[in-house]
Amino acid sequence: ISRQLQFTHFREQRIDSELSERVFDAYLDQLDG
């Protein structure tokens, strides 16, 4: 999933520390929005 998102999705986006913060917040929001 990580490879497909990074290399084939229409939106060009790196998996880096900035994205890590957003994943962290999105996951907490999904569990306990």
Full PDB file with SEQRES, HELIX, SHEET, SSBOND, CRYST1, ORIGX, SCALE, CONECT and MASTER records, all heavy atoms in Angstrom:
SEQRES   1 A   33  ILE SER ARG GLN LEU GLN PHE THR HIS PHE ARG GLU GLN          
SEQRES   2 A   33  ARG ILE ASP SER GLU LEU SER GLU ARG VAL PHE ASP ALA          
SEQRES   3 A   33  TYR LEU ASP GLN LEU ASP GLY                                  
HELIX    1 AA1 SER A    2  THR A    8  1                                   7    
HELIX    2 AA2 SER A   17  ASP A   32  1                                  16    
CRYST1    1.000    1.000    1.000  90.00  90.00  90.00 P 1           1          
ORIGX1      1.000000  0.000000  0.000000        0.00000                         
ORIGX2      0.000000  1.000000  0.000000        0.00000                         
ORIGX3      0.000000  0.000000  1.000000        0.00000                         
SCALE1      1.000000  0.000000  0.000000        0.00000                         
SCALE2      0.000000  1.000000  0.000000        0.00000                         
SCALE3      0.000000  0.000000  1.000000        0.00000                         
ATOM      1  N   ILE A   1       0.842  -1.202   0.000  1.00  0.00           N  
ATOM      2  CA  ILE A   1       0.000   0.000   0.000  1.00  0.00           C  
ATOM      3  C   ILE A   1       0.874   1.248   0.000  1.00  0.00           C  
ATOM      4  O   ILE A   1       0.627   2.206  -0.753  1.00  0.00           O  
ATOM      5  CB  ILE A   1      -0.948  -0.017   1.216  1.00  0.00           C  
ATOM      6  CG1 ILE A   1      -2.011  -1.104   1.040  1.00  0.00           C  
ATOM      7  CG2 ILE A   1      -1.616   1.343   1.414  1.00  0.00           C  
ATOM      8  CD1 ILE A   1      -2.814  -1.395   2.298  1.00  0.00           C  
ATOM      9  N   SER A   2       1.912   1.250   0.819  1.00  0.00           N  
ATOM     10  CA  SER A   2       2.815   2.409   0.879  1.00  0.00           C  
ATOM     11  C   SER A   2       3.448   2.677  -0.483  1.00  0.00           C  
ATOM     12  O   SER A   2       3.534   3.827  -0.930  1.00  0.00           O  
ATOM     13  CB  SER A   2       3.908   2.165   1.923  1.00  0.00           C  
ATOM     14  OG  SER A   2       3.349   2.050   3.214  1.00  0.00           O  
ATOM     15  N   ARG A   3       3.894   1.620  -1.150  1.00  0.00           N  
ATOM     16  CA  ARG A   3       4.534   1.795  -2.467  1.00  0.00           C  
ATOM     17  C   ARG A   3       3.545   2.314  -3.501  1.00  0.00           C  
ATOM     18  O   ARG A   3       3.864   3.215  -4.287  1.00  0.00           O  
ATOM     19  CB  ARG A   3       5.136   0.463  -2.924  1.00  0.00           C  
ATOM     20  CG  ARG A   3       6.354   0.038  -2.113  1.00  0.00           C  
ATOM     21  CD  ARG A   3       6.821  -1.355  -2.503  1.00  0.00           C  
ATOM     22  NE  ARG A   3       7.993  -1.773  -1.725  1.00  0.00           N  
ATOM     23  CZ  ARG A   3       8.472  -2.993  -1.706  1.00  0.00           C  
ATOM     24  NH1 ARG A   3       7.899  -3.955  -2.442  1.00  0.00           N  
ATOM     25  NH2 ARG A   3       9.536  -3.295  -0.970  1.00  0.00           N  
ATOM     26  N   GLN A   4       2.345   1.720  -3.508  1.00  0.00           N  
ATOM     27  CA  GLN A   4       1.360   2.144  -4.511  1.00  0.00           C  
ATOM     28  C   GLN A   4       0.929   3.590  -4.292  1.00  0.00           C  
ATOM     29  O   GLN A   4       0.787   4.355  -5.248  1.00  0.00           O  
ATOM     30  CB  GLN A   4       0.142   1.219  -4.463  1.00  0.00           C  
ATOM     31  CG  GLN A   4       0.468  -0.220  -4.819  1.00  0.00           C  
ATOM     32  CD  GLN A   4      -0.504  -0.813  -5.834  1.00  0.00           C  
ATOM     33  OE1 GLN A   4      -1.184  -0.111  -6.552  1.00  0.00           O  
ATOM     34  NE2 GLN A   4      -0.546  -2.126  -5.881  1.00  0.00           N  
ATOM     35  N   LEU A   5       0.732   3.969  -3.046  1.00  0.00           N  
ATOM     36  CA  LEU A   5       0.326   5.344  -2.766  1.00  0.00           C  
ATOM     37  C   LEU A   5       1.417   6.324  -3.177  1.00  0.00           C  
ATOM     38  O   LEU A   5       1.141   7.364  -3.780  1.00  0.00           O  
ATOM     39  CB  LEU A   5       0.016   5.508  -1.275  1.00  0.00           C  
ATOM     40  CG  LEU A   5      -1.246   4.824  -0.753  1.00  0.00           C  
ATOM     41  CD1 LEU A   5      -1.344   4.957   0.761  1.00  0.00           C  
ATOM     42  CD2 LEU A   5      -2.504   5.392  -1.404  1.00  0.00           C  
ATOM     43  N   GLN A   6       2.647   5.992  -2.866  1.00  0.00           N  
ATOM     44  CA  GLN A   6       3.747   6.919  -3.120  1.00  0.00           C  
ATOM     45  C   GLN A   6       4.092   7.041  -4.600  1.00  0.00           C  
ATOM     46  O   GLN A   6       4.493   8.119  -5.054  1.00  0.00           O  
ATOM     47  CB  GLN A   6       4.979   6.476  -2.329  1.00  0.00           C  
ATOM     48  CG  GLN A   6       6.013   7.566  -2.137  1.00  0.00           C  
ATOM     49  CD  GLN A   6       7.022   7.212  -1.060  1.00  0.00           C  
ATOM     50  OE1 GLN A   6       7.099   6.075  -0.620  1.00  0.00           O  
ATOM     51  NE2 GLN A   6       7.807   8.184  -0.632  1.00  0.00           N  
ATOM     52  N   PHE A   7       3.896   5.955  -5.354  1.00  0.00           N  
ATOM     53  CA  PHE A   7       4.390   5.973  -6.731  1.00  0.00           C  
ATOM     54  C   PHE A   7       3.311   5.938  -7.808  1.00  0.00           C  
ATOM     55  O   PHE A   7       3.618   6.187  -8.978  1.00  0.00           O  
ATOM     56  CB  PHE A   7       5.358   4.804  -6.945  1.00  0.00           C  
ATOM     57  CG  PHE A   7       6.556   4.853  -6.038  1.00  0.00           C  
ATOM     58  CD1 PHE A   7       6.780   3.855  -5.104  1.00  0.00           C  
ATOM     59  CD2 PHE A   7       7.448   5.914  -6.091  1.00  0.00           C  
ATOM     60  CE1 PHE A   7       7.872   3.903  -4.257  1.00  0.00           C  
ATOM     61  CE2 PHE A   7       8.549   5.974  -5.251  1.00  0.00           C  
ATOM     62  CZ  PHE A   7       8.768   4.974  -4.325  1.00  0.00           C  
ATOM     63  N   THR A   8       2.047   5.626  -7.468  1.00  0.00           N  
ATOM     64  CA  THR A   8       1.034   5.525  -8.525  1.00  0.00           C  
ATOM     65  C   THR A   8      -0.202   6.387  -8.286  1.00  0.00           C  
ATOM     66  O   THR A   8      -1.050   6.488  -9.164  1.00  0.00           O  
ATOM     67  CB  THR A   8       0.570   4.060  -8.715  1.00  0.00           C  
ATOM     68  OG1 THR A   8      -0.121   3.617  -7.536  1.00  0.00           O  
ATOM     69  CG2 THR A   8       1.751   3.138  -8.969  1.00  0.00           C  
ATOM     70  N   HIS A   9      -0.336   6.995  -7.112  1.00  0.00           N  
ATOM     71  CA  HIS A   9      -1.501   7.849  -6.863  1.00  0.00           C  
ATOM     72  C   HIS A   9      -1.382   9.151  -7.649  1.00  0.00           C  
ATOM     73  O   HIS A   9      -0.284   9.626  -7.945  1.00  0.00           O  
ATOM     74  CB  HIS A   9      -1.616   8.154  -5.363  1.00  0.00           C  
ATOM     75  CG  HIS A   9      -2.931   8.745  -4.969  1.00  0.00           C  
ATOM     76  ND1 HIS A   9      -3.233  10.081  -5.153  1.00  0.00           N  
ATOM     77  CD2 HIS A   9      -4.030   8.181  -4.405  1.00  0.00           C  
ATOM     78  CE1 HIS A   9      -4.463  10.311  -4.721  1.00  0.00           C  
ATOM     79  NE2 HIS A   9      -4.970   9.176  -4.260  1.00  0.00           N  
ATOM     80  N   PHE A  10      -2.527   9.726  -7.995  1.00  0.00           N  
ATOM     81  CA  PHE A  10      -2.527  10.980  -8.758  1.00  0.00           C  
ATOM     82  C   PHE A  10      -1.811  12.087  -7.990  1.00  0.00           C  
ATOM     83  O   PHE A  10      -1.117  12.918  -8.588  1.00  0.00           O  
ATOM     84  CB  PHE A  10      -3.975  11.402  -9.049  1.00  0.00           C  
ATOM     85  CG  PHE A  10      -4.081  12.613  -9.929  1.00  0.00           C  
ATOM     86  CD1 PHE A  10      -4.066  12.484 -11.305  1.00  0.00           C  
ATOM     87  CD2 PHE A  10      -4.170  13.884  -9.385  1.00  0.00           C  
ATOM     88  CE1 PHE A  10      -4.149  13.602 -12.128  1.00  0.00           C  
ATOM     89  CE2 PHE A  10      -4.259  15.012 -10.192  1.00  0.00           C  
ATOM     90  CZ  PHE A  10      -4.244  14.859 -11.562  1.00  0.00           C  
ATOM     91  N   ARG A  11      -1.995  12.114  -6.666  1.00  0.00           N  
ATOM     92  CA  ARG A  11      -1.344  13.145  -5.850  1.00  0.00           C  
ATOM     93  C   ARG A  11       0.075  12.693  -5.511  1.00  0.00           C  
ATOM     94  O   ARG A  11       0.274  11.640  -4.930  1.00  0.00           O  
ATOM     95  CB  ARG A  11      -2.140  13.397  -4.568  1.00  0.00           C  
ATOM     96  CG  ARG A  11      -1.422  14.266  -3.556  1.00  0.00           C  
ATOM     97  CD  ARG A  11      -2.303  14.520  -2.339  1.00  0.00           C  
ATOM     98  NE  ARG A  11      -3.031  15.759  -2.493  1.00  0.00           N  
ATOM     99  CZ  ARG A  11      -4.134  16.081  -1.809  1.00  0.00           C  
ATOM    100  NH1 ARG A  11      -4.643  15.212  -0.953  1.00  0.00           N  
ATOM    101  NH2 ARG A  11      -4.733  17.239  -2.000  1.00  0.00           N  
ATOM    102  N   GLU A  12       1.047  13.508  -5.866  1.00  0.00           N  
ATOM    103  CA  GLU A  12       2.437  13.195  -5.553  1.00  0.00           C  
ATOM    104  C   GLU A  12       2.720  13.610  -4.110  1.00  0.00           C  
ATOM    105  O   GLU A  12       2.559  14.773  -3.747  1.00  0.00           O  
ATOM    106  CB  GLU A  12       3.380  13.924  -6.514  1.00  0.00           C  
ATOM    107  CG  GLU A  12       4.831  13.546  -6.357  1.00  0.00           C  
ATOM    108  CD  GLU A  12       5.717  14.210  -7.388  1.00  0.00           C  
ATOM    109  OE1 GLU A  12       5.187  14.774  -8.362  1.00  0.00           O  
ATOM    110  OE2 GLU A  12       6.945  14.166  -7.211  1.00  0.00           O  
ATOM    111  N   GLN A  13       3.123  12.651  -3.289  1.00  0.00           N  
ATOM    112  CA  GLN A  13       3.285  12.933  -1.868  1.00  0.00           C  
ATOM    113  C   GLN A  13       4.300  11.964  -1.260  1.00  0.00           C  
ATOM    114  O   GLN A  13       4.210  10.756  -1.466  1.00  0.00           O  
ATOM    115  CB  GLN A  13       1.922  12.772  -1.174  1.00  0.00           C  
ATOM    116  CG  GLN A  13       1.895  13.168   0.266  1.00  0.00           C  
ATOM    117  CD  GLN A  13       0.467  13.254   0.784  1.00  0.00           C  
ATOM    118  OE1 GLN A  13       0.081  14.233   1.374  1.00  0.00           O  
ATOM    119  NE2 GLN A  13      -0.331  12.234   0.557  1.00  0.00           N  
ATOM    120  N   ARG A  14       5.228  12.483  -0.509  1.00  0.00           N  
ATOM    121  CA  ARG A  14       6.260  11.651   0.109  1.00  0.00           C  
ATOM    122  C   ARG A  14       5.784  11.131   1.465  1.00  0.00           C  
ATOM    123  O   ARG A  14       5.019  11.801   2.167  1.00  0.00           O  
ATOM    124  CB  ARG A  14       7.541  12.461   0.303  1.00  0.00           C  
ATOM    125  CG  ARG A  14       8.228  12.871  -0.990  1.00  0.00           C  
ATOM    126  CD  ARG A  14       9.477  13.676  -0.679  1.00  0.00           C  
ATOM    127  NE  ARG A  14      10.412  12.905   0.147  1.00  0.00           N  
ATOM    128  CZ  ARG A  14      11.455  13.445   0.779  1.00  0.00           C  
ATOM    129  NH1 ARG A  14      11.685  14.751   0.676  1.00  0.00           N  
ATOM    130  NH2 ARG A  14      12.253  12.680   1.502  1.00  0.00           N  
ATOM    131  N   ILE A  15       6.261   9.955   1.805  1.00  0.00           N  
ATOM    132  CA  ILE A  15       6.024   9.416   3.147  1.00  0.00           C  
ATOM    133  C   ILE A  15       7.216   9.836   4.000  1.00  0.00           C  
ATOM    134  O   ILE A  15       8.300   9.244   3.928  1.00  0.00           O  
ATOM    135  CB  ILE A  15       5.873   7.877   3.114  1.00  0.00           C  
ATOM    136  CG1 ILE A  15       4.696   7.482   2.227  1.00  0.00           C  
ATOM    137  CG2 ILE A  15       5.666   7.325   4.527  1.00  0.00           C  
ATOM    138  CD1 ILE A  15       4.516   5.982   2.061  1.00  0.00           C  
ATOM    139  N   ASP A  16       7.025  10.894   4.766  1.00  0.00           N  
ATOM    140  CA  ASP A  16       8.108  11.439   5.581  1.00  0.00           C  
ATOM    141  C   ASP A  16       7.581  11.801   6.964  1.00  0.00           C  
ATOM    142  O   ASP A  16       6.441  11.463   7.315  1.00  0.00           O  
ATOM    143  CB  ASP A  16       8.727  12.659   4.884  1.00  0.00           C  
ATOM    144  CG  ASP A  16       7.692  13.723   4.525  1.00  0.00           C  
ATOM    145  OD1 ASP A  16       6.571  13.690   5.095  1.00  0.00           O  
ATOM    146  OD2 ASP A  16       7.980  14.592   3.691  1.00  0.00           O  
ATOM    147  N   SER A  17       8.378  12.492   7.747  1.00  0.00           N  
ATOM    148  CA  SER A  17       7.988  12.800   9.127  1.00  0.00           C  
ATOM    149  C   SER A  17       6.774  13.724   9.181  1.00  0.00           C  
ATOM    150  O   SER A  17       5.952  13.631  10.101  1.00  0.00           O  
ATOM    151  CB  SER A  17       9.162  13.435   9.871  1.00  0.00           C  
ATOM    152  OG  SER A  17       9.587  14.626   9.228  1.00  0.00           O  
ATOM    153  N   GLU A  18       6.654  14.620   8.184  1.00  0.00           N  
ATOM    154  CA  GLU A  18       5.488  15.512   8.155  1.00  0.00           C  
ATOM    155  C   GLU A  18       4.213  14.704   7.909  1.00  0.00           C  
ATOM    156  O   GLU A  18       3.188  14.918   8.563  1.00  0.00           O  
ATOM    157  CB  GLU A  18       5.686  16.571   7.066  1.00  0.00           C  
ATOM    158  CG  GLU A  18       4.606  17.644   7.016  1.00  0.00           C  
ATOM    159  CD  GLU A  18       3.394  17.242   6.178  1.00  0.00           C  
ATOM    160  OE1 GLU A  18       3.570  16.448   5.232  1.00  0.00           O  
ATOM    161  OE2 GLU A  18       2.281  17.732   6.485  1.00  0.00           O  
ATOM    162  N   LEU A  19       4.288  13.747   6.995  1.00  0.00           N  
ATOM    163  CA  LEU A  19       3.129  12.898   6.744  1.00  0.00           C  
ATOM    164  C   LEU A  19       2.856  12.005   7.954  1.00  0.00           C  
ATOM    165  O   LEU A  19       1.704  11.712   8.279  1.00  0.00           O  
ATOM    166  CB  LEU A  19       3.352  12.041   5.498  1.00  0.00           C  
ATOM    167  CG  LEU A  19       2.106  11.231   5.124  1.00  0.00           C  
ATOM    168  CD1 LEU A  19       1.545  11.694   3.792  1.00  0.00           C  
ATOM    169  CD2 LEU A  19       2.397   9.743   5.057  1.00  0.00           C  
ATOM    170  N   SER A  20       3.907  11.588   8.648  1.00  0.00           N  
ATOM    171  CA  SER A  20       3.740  10.778   9.855  1.00  0.00           C  
ATOM    172  C   SER A  20       2.842  11.492  10.863  1.00  0.00           C  
ATOM    173  O   SER A  20       1.953  10.876  11.469  1.00  0.00           O  
ATOM    174  CB  SER A  20       5.106  10.488  10.489  1.00  0.00           C  
ATOM    175  OG  SER A  20       4.952   9.859  11.751  1.00  0.00           O  
ATOM    176  N   GLU A  21       3.046  12.787  11.048  1.00  0.00           N  
ATOM    177  CA  GLU A  21       2.222  13.554  11.979  1.00  0.00           C  
ATOM    178  C   GLU A  21       0.763  13.550  11.541  1.00  0.00           C  
ATOM    179  O   GLU A  21      -0.148  13.420  12.371  1.00  0.00           O  
ATOM    180  CB  GLU A  21       2.739  14.991  12.074  1.00  0.00           C  
ATOM    181  CG  GLU A  21       4.118  15.109  12.684  1.00  0.00           C  
ATOM    182  CD  GLU A  21       4.511  16.561  12.906  1.00  0.00           C  
ATOM    183  OE1 GLU A  21       3.735  17.291  13.547  1.00  0.00           O  
ATOM    184  OE2 GLU A  21       5.591  16.967  12.422  1.00  0.00           O  
ATOM    185  N   ARG A  22       0.542  13.665  10.251  1.00  0.00           N  
ATOM    186  CA  ARG A  22      -0.830  13.689   9.743  1.00  0.00           C  
ATOM    187  C   ARG A  22      -1.492  12.318   9.871  1.00  0.00           C  
ATOM    188  O   ARG A  22      -2.689  12.228  10.165  1.00  0.00           O  
ATOM    189  CB  ARG A  22      -0.834  14.168   8.292  1.00  0.00           C  
ATOM    190  CG  ARG A  22      -0.408  15.630   8.143  1.00  0.00           C  
ATOM    191  CD  ARG A  22      -0.148  16.009   6.698  1.00  0.00           C  
ATOM    192  NE  ARG A  22      -1.300  15.740   5.873  1.00  0.00           N  
ATOM    193  CZ  ARG A  22      -1.248  15.404   4.584  1.00  0.00           C  
ATOM    194  NH1 ARG A  22      -0.068  15.278   3.988  1.00  0.00           N  
ATOM    195  NH2 ARG A  22      -2.342  15.188   3.903  1.00  0.00           N  
ATOM    196  N   VAL A  23      -0.721  11.240   9.637  1.00  0.00           N  
ATOM    197  CA  VAL A  23      -1.260   9.892   9.829  1.00  0.00           C  
ATOM    198  C   VAL A  23      -1.649   9.699  11.290  1.00  0.00           C  
ATOM    199  O   VAL A  23      -2.720   9.164  11.608  1.00  0.00           O  
ATOM    200  CB  VAL A  23      -0.233   8.818   9.412  1.00  0.00           C  
ATOM    201  CG1 VAL A  23      -0.742   7.427   9.781  1.00  0.00           C  
ATOM    202  CG2 VAL A  23       0.050   8.878   7.920  1.00  0.00           C  
ATOM    203  N   PHE A  24      -0.775  10.127  12.183  1.00  0.00           N  
ATOM    204  CA  PHE A  24      -1.021  10.002  13.619  1.00  0.00           C  
ATOM    205  C   PHE A  24      -2.345  10.681  13.989  1.00  0.00           C  
ATOM    206  O   PHE A  24      -3.208  10.084  14.642  1.00  0.00           O  
ATOM    207  CB  PHE A  24       0.148  10.645  14.372  1.00  0.00           C  
ATOM    208  CG  PHE A  24       0.048  10.570  15.868  1.00  0.00           C  
ATOM    209  CD1 PHE A  24       0.487   9.449  16.554  1.00  0.00           C  
ATOM    210  CD2 PHE A  24      -0.466  11.626  16.597  1.00  0.00           C  
ATOM    211  CE1 PHE A  24       0.405   9.383  17.938  1.00  0.00           C  
ATOM    212  CE2 PHE A  24      -0.553  11.572  17.981  1.00  0.00           C  
ATOM    213  CZ  PHE A  24      -0.115  10.446  18.657  1.00  0.00           C  
ATOM    214  N   ASP A  25      -2.528  11.923  13.551  1.00  0.00           N  
ATOM    215  CA  ASP A  25      -3.755  12.655  13.871  1.00  0.00           C  
ATOM    216  C   ASP A  25      -4.977  12.030  13.203  1.00  0.00           C  
ATOM    217  O   ASP A  25      -6.057  11.944  13.800  1.00  0.00           O  
ATOM    218  CB  ASP A  25      -3.624  14.124  13.441  1.00  0.00           C  
ATOM    219  CG  ASP A  25      -2.626  14.894  14.300  1.00  0.00           C  
ATOM    220  OD1 ASP A  25      -2.400  14.479  15.453  1.00  0.00           O  
ATOM    221  OD2 ASP A  25      -2.069  15.897  13.812  1.00  0.00           O  
ATOM    222  N   ALA A  26      -4.809  11.586  11.949  1.00  0.00           N  
ATOM    223  CA  ALA A  26      -5.940  10.993  11.220  1.00  0.00           C  
ATOM    224  C   ALA A  26      -6.383   9.685  11.866  1.00  0.00           C  
ATOM    225  O   ALA A  26      -7.582   9.380  11.924  1.00  0.00           O  
ATOM    226  CB  ALA A  26      -5.561  10.754   9.757  1.00  0.00           C  
ATOM    227  N   TYR A  27      -5.433   8.907  12.351  1.00  0.00           N  
ATOM    228  CA  TYR A  27      -5.750   7.632  12.993  1.00  0.00           C  
ATOM    229  C   TYR A  27      -6.501   7.862  14.309  1.00  0.00           C  
ATOM    230  O   TYR A  27      -7.516   7.216  14.584  1.00  0.00           O  
ATOM    231  CB  TYR A  27      -4.459   6.856  13.232  1.00  0.00           C  
ATOM    232  CG  TYR A  27      -4.657   5.450  13.753  1.00  0.00           C  
ATOM    233  CD1 TYR A  27      -5.669   4.625  13.276  1.00  0.00           C  
ATOM    234  CD2 TYR A  27      -3.789   4.922  14.710  1.00  0.00           C  
ATOM    235  CE1 TYR A  27      -5.833   3.323  13.737  1.00  0.00           C  
ATOM    236  CE2 TYR A  27      -3.931   3.620  15.171  1.00  0.00           C  
ATOM    237  CZ  TYR A  27      -4.963   2.834  14.691  1.00  0.00           C  
ATOM    238  OH  TYR A  27      -5.113   1.547  15.152  1.00  0.00           O  
ATOM    239  N   LEU A  28      -6.017   8.807  15.112  1.00  0.00           N  
ATOM    240  CA  LEU A  28      -6.729   9.142  16.351  1.00  0.00           C  
ATOM    241  C   LEU A  28      -8.124   9.665  16.042  1.00  0.00           C  
ATOM    242  O   LEU A  28      -9.096   9.337  16.741  1.00  0.00           O  
ATOM    243  CB  LEU A  28      -5.944  10.186  17.146  1.00  0.00           C  
ATOM    244  CG  LEU A  28      -4.604   9.741  17.748  1.00  0.00           C  
ATOM    245  CD1 LEU A  28      -3.956  10.892  18.509  1.00  0.00           C  
ATOM    246  CD2 LEU A  28      -4.783   8.536  18.656  1.00  0.00           C  
ATOM    247  N   ASP A  29      -8.230  10.459  14.976  1.00  0.00           N  
ATOM    248  CA  ASP A  29      -9.532  11.003  14.596  1.00  0.00           C  
ATOM    249  C   ASP A  29     -10.472   9.899  14.135  1.00  0.00           C  
ATOM    250  O   ASP A  29     -11.666   9.925  14.407  1.00  0.00           O  
ATOM    251  CB  ASP A  29      -9.350  12.049  13.497  1.00  0.00           C  
ATOM    252  CG  ASP A  29     -10.652  12.753  13.156  1.00  0.00           C  
ATOM    253  OD1 ASP A  29     -11.269  13.342  14.069  1.00  0.00           O  
ATOM    254  OD2 ASP A  29     -11.074  12.701  11.990  1.00  0.00           O  
ATOM    255  N   GLN A  30      -9.923   8.913  13.416  1.00  0.00           N  
ATOM    256  CA  GLN A  30     -10.762   7.815  12.960  1.00  0.00           C  
ATOM    257  C   GLN A  30     -11.256   6.959  14.123  1.00  0.00           C  
ATOM    258  O   GLN A  30     -12.403   6.518  14.141  1.00  0.00           O  
ATOM    259  CB  GLN A  30      -9.995   6.940  11.964  1.00  0.00           C  
ATOM    260  CG  GLN A  30     -10.832   5.828  11.376  1.00  0.00           C  
ATOM    261  CD  GLN A  30     -10.372   5.409   9.987  1.00  0.00           C  
ATOM    262  OE1 GLN A  30     -10.178   4.251   9.730  1.00  0.00           O  
ATOM    263  NE2 GLN A  30     -10.191   6.356   9.091  1.00  0.00           N  
ATOM    264  N   LEU A  31     -10.405   6.757  15.110  1.00  0.00           N  
ATOM    265  CA  LEU A  31     -10.798   5.960  16.262  1.00  0.00           C  
ATOM    266  C   LEU A  31     -11.700   6.743  17.211  1.00  0.00           C  
ATOM    267  O   LEU A  31     -12.711   6.224  17.688  1.00  0.00           O  
ATOM    268  CB  LEU A  31      -9.548   5.474  17.013  1.00  0.00           C  
ATOM    269  CG  LEU A  31      -8.639   4.487  16.294  1.00  0.00           C  
ATOM    270  CD1 LEU A  31      -7.416   4.187  17.146  1.00  0.00           C  
ATOM    271  CD2 LEU A  31      -9.377   3.196  15.943  1.00  0.00           C  
ATOM    272  N   ASP A  32     -11.335   7.976  17.503  1.00  0.00           N  
ATOM    273  CA  ASP A  32     -12.023   8.746  18.543  1.00  0.00           C  
ATOM    274  C   ASP A  32     -12.221  10.180  18.080  1.00  0.00           C  
ATOM    275  O   ASP A  32     -11.747  11.131  18.710  1.00  0.00           O  
ATOM    276  CB  ASP A  32     -11.200   8.695  19.843  1.00  0.00           C  
ATOM    277  CG  ASP A  32     -11.959   9.259  21.040  1.00  0.00           C  
ATOM    278  OD1 ASP A  32     -13.174   9.494  20.916  1.00  0.00           O  
ATOM    279  OD2 ASP A  32     -11.330   9.459  22.100  1.00  0.00           O  
ATOM    280  N   GLY A  33     -12.956  10.329  16.973  1.00  0.00           N  
ATOM    281  CA  GLY A  33     -13.153  11.648  16.376  1.00  0.00           C  
ATOM    282  C   GLY A  33     -13.895  12.623  17.265  1.00  0.00           C  
ATOM    283  O   GLY A  33     -13.726  13.844  17.140  1.00  0.00           O  
TER     284      GLY A  33                                                      
MASTER        0    0    0    2    0    0    0    6  283    1    0    3          
END                                                                             
